[in-house]
Amino acid sequence: MRFSTRLSDSVHILCFIYLNPDENLSSERIAESVRTNPGYVRQLMSLLRKAELISSTKGHAKPMLAKEAGEITLRDVYRAIEGDKPLLHLDTHTNPECGVGVNIQLALQEYYDRIQAAAEAEMARITLQDVLDGYHERIKGNKR
């Protein structure tokens, strides 16, 4: 089963931009940190730009956060990257002639909707600044 890392990669990109304000941050440079390819970084940055979470000038490798780190929530980033895509997905390939195959999926959807709402509410409480603070705490802890 394949899972998406687009949210964590996008948060990584935002933090990398924040932590390196005076460096040239080409998609190649950012891709080295994320350990991915520059095209993927450009794709994520385009979505972050459309959501007005970052700003940049074409031809200049100086992206910036468009808002303060404390004003960007994980939900903002999630919605910028994933849109309305749910966290959990039902198996739509069950046997339609099987009562369990059809009805278990419908029963599960209600719970998945509740989980989605709870997860998004929690993501709305966590800011990029919170993530950066956690990053700095981990750095301090590793320097002992």
Protein backbone atom coordinates (compact mmCIF):
# COMPACT_ATOMS: atom_id res chain seq x y z
CA MET A 1 0.00 0.00 0.00
CA ARG A 2 1.39 3.35 -1.04
CA PHE A 3 0.93 6.39 1.15
CA SER A 4 1.36 10.09 0.47
CA THR A 5 4.19 12.15 1.97
CA ARG A 6 3.07 15.33 0.22
CA LEU A 7 1.97 17.02 3.47
CA SER A 8 5.18 16.27 5.35
CA ASP A 9 7.27 17.20 2.30
CA SER A 10 5.38 20.50 2.01
CA VAL A 11 5.91 21.30 5.70
CA HIS A 12 9.58 20.42 5.19
CA ILE A 13 9.77 22.87 2.27
CA LEU A 14 8.09 25.65 4.27
CA CYS A 15 10.42 25.12 7.24
CA PHE A 16 13.46 24.96 4.96
CA ILE A 17 12.45 28.29 3.41
CA TYR A 18 11.92 29.83 6.85
CA LEU A 19 15.22 28.53 8.24
CA ASN A 20 17.28 29.67 5.24
CA PRO A 21 16.08 33.22 4.49
CA ASP A 22 19.41 34.48 3.11
CA GLU A 23 20.27 31.52 0.87
CA ASN A 24 19.46 30.88 -2.76
CA LEU A 25 16.81 28.21 -2.55
CA SER A 26 16.39 26.73 -5.99
CA SER A 27 14.15 23.71 -6.37
CA GLU A 28 17.36 21.68 -6.78
CA ARG A 29 18.68 22.91 -3.42
CA ILE A 30 15.38 22.22 -1.65
CA ALA A 31 15.10 18.81 -3.35
CA GLU A 32 18.48 17.84 -1.84
CA SER A 33 17.07 18.43 1.64
CA VAL A 34 13.83 16.55 0.95
CA ARG A 35 15.76 13.83 -0.95
CA THR A 36 13.51 13.99 -3.96
CA ASN A 37 13.56 15.45 -7.43
CA PRO A 38 13.31 19.18 -8.23
CA GLY A 39 10.18 18.71 -10.37
CA TYR A 40 8.28 17.35 -7.38
CA VAL A 41 9.46 20.30 -5.26
CA ARG A 42 8.33 22.75 -7.97
CA GLN A 43 4.93 21.03 -8.08
CA LEU A 44 4.45 21.35 -4.30
CA MET A 45 5.74 24.92 -4.27
CA SER A 46 3.29 25.83 -7.03
CA LEU A 47 0.40 24.55 -4.89
CA LEU A 48 1.75 26.42 -1.83
CA ARG A 49 2.04 29.59 -3.93
CA LYS A 50 -1.55 29.22 -5.22
CA ALA A 51 -2.72 28.88 -1.61
CA GLU A 52 -0.78 32.07 -0.78
CA LEU A 53 1.43 30.30 1.74
CA ILE A 54 4.66 31.22 -0.08
CA SER A 55 5.65 33.94 -2.48
CA SER A 56 8.41 33.94 -5.03
CA THR A 57 9.57 35.80 -8.08
CA LYS A 58 10.10 33.85 -11.28
CA GLY A 59 13.78 33.53 -12.07
CA HIS A 60 14.90 34.25 -8.49
CA ALA A 61 15.68 31.46 -6.05
CA LYS A 62 14.40 33.39 -3.02
CA PRO A 63 11.03 31.96 -1.98
CA MET A 64 9.53 33.40 1.20
CA LEU A 65 6.66 32.55 3.50
CA ALA A 66 3.70 34.71 2.55
CA LYS A 67 2.49 34.75 6.17
CA GLU A 68 4.08 34.55 9.59
CA ALA A 69 4.91 30.98 10.63
CA GLY A 70 2.40 31.27 13.48
CA GLU A 71 -0.36 32.06 10.98
CA ILE A 72 0.14 28.98 8.78
CA THR A 73 -1.61 25.89 10.11
CA LEU A 74 -1.09 22.28 9.14
CA ARG A 75 -4.67 22.36 7.86
CA ASP A 76 -3.76 25.26 5.55
CA VAL A 77 -0.89 23.22 4.15
CA TYR A 78 -2.98 20.03 3.93
CA ARG A 79 -5.74 21.78 2.00
CA ALA A 80 -3.23 23.51 -0.28
CA ILE A 81 -1.60 20.20 -1.16
CA GLU A 82 -4.43 17.67 -0.94
CA GLY A 83 -7.51 19.83 -1.53
CA ASP A 84 -10.59 17.94 -0.38
CA LYS A 85 -8.88 14.54 -0.54
CA PRO A 86 -9.73 12.56 2.62
CA LEU A 87 -7.12 11.07 4.93
CA LEU A 88 -8.80 7.64 4.89
CA HIS A 89 -10.20 5.89 1.85
CA LEU A 90 -12.85 3.22 1.50
CA ASP A 91 -12.28 0.14 -0.61
CA THR A 92 -14.56 0.71 -3.57
CA HIS A 93 -13.74 -2.64 -5.16
CA THR A 94 -15.77 -4.86 -2.83
CA ASN A 95 -18.32 -7.30 -4.20
CA PRO A 96 -21.57 -5.37 -4.86
CA GLU A 97 -23.57 -8.60 -4.53
CA CYS A 98 -22.28 -9.19 -1.00
CA GLY A 99 -24.25 -7.57 1.81
CA VAL A 100 -21.09 -7.14 3.86
CA GLY A 101 -19.12 -5.82 0.89
CA VAL A 102 -21.62 -3.02 0.27
CA ASN A 103 -22.89 -2.15 3.73
CA ILE A 104 -19.64 -2.28 5.69
CA GLN A 105 -18.21 0.44 3.46
CA LEU A 106 -21.27 2.64 3.97
CA ALA A 107 -21.14 2.10 7.73
CA LEU A 108 -17.43 2.90 7.79
CA GLN A 109 -17.88 6.17 5.88
CA GLU A 110 -19.64 7.79 8.83
CA TYR A 111 -16.69 7.01 11.08
CA TYR A 112 -14.18 8.12 8.47
CA ASP A 113 -16.02 11.44 8.19
CA ARG A 114 -15.77 11.91 11.98
CA ILE A 115 -12.07 11.05 11.93
CA GLN A 116 -11.49 13.53 9.09
CA ALA A 117 -13.27 16.31 10.98
CA ALA A 118 -11.30 15.61 14.17
CA ALA A 119 -7.98 15.43 12.32
CA GLU A 120 -8.63 18.69 10.47
CA ALA A 121 -9.67 20.41 13.71
CA GLU A 122 -6.39 19.34 15.32
CA MET A 123 -4.40 20.37 12.24
CA ALA A 124 -6.03 23.81 12.52
CA ARG A 125 -4.51 24.16 16.01
CA ILE A 126 -0.95 23.26 14.95
CA THR A 127 1.01 26.03 13.26
CA LEU A 128 4.20 26.02 11.30
CA GLN A 129 5.70 27.89 14.24
CA ASP A 130 4.82 24.94 16.49
CA VAL A 131 6.66 22.63 14.11
CA LEU A 132 9.65 25.00 14.02
CA ASP A 133 9.65 25.19 17.83
CA GLY A 134 9.71 21.39 17.98
CA TYR A 135 12.54 21.37 15.45
CA HIS A 136 14.57 23.81 17.58
CA GLU A 137 13.92 21.75 20.73
CA ARG A 138 15.18 18.62 18.97
CA ILE A 139 18.29 20.47 17.77
CA LYS A 140 19.00 21.67 21.32
CA GLY A 141 18.54 18.13 22.64
CA ASN A 142 20.98 16.72 20.10
CA LYS A 143 23.72 19.21 20.99
CA ARG A 144 24.23 17.85 24.51
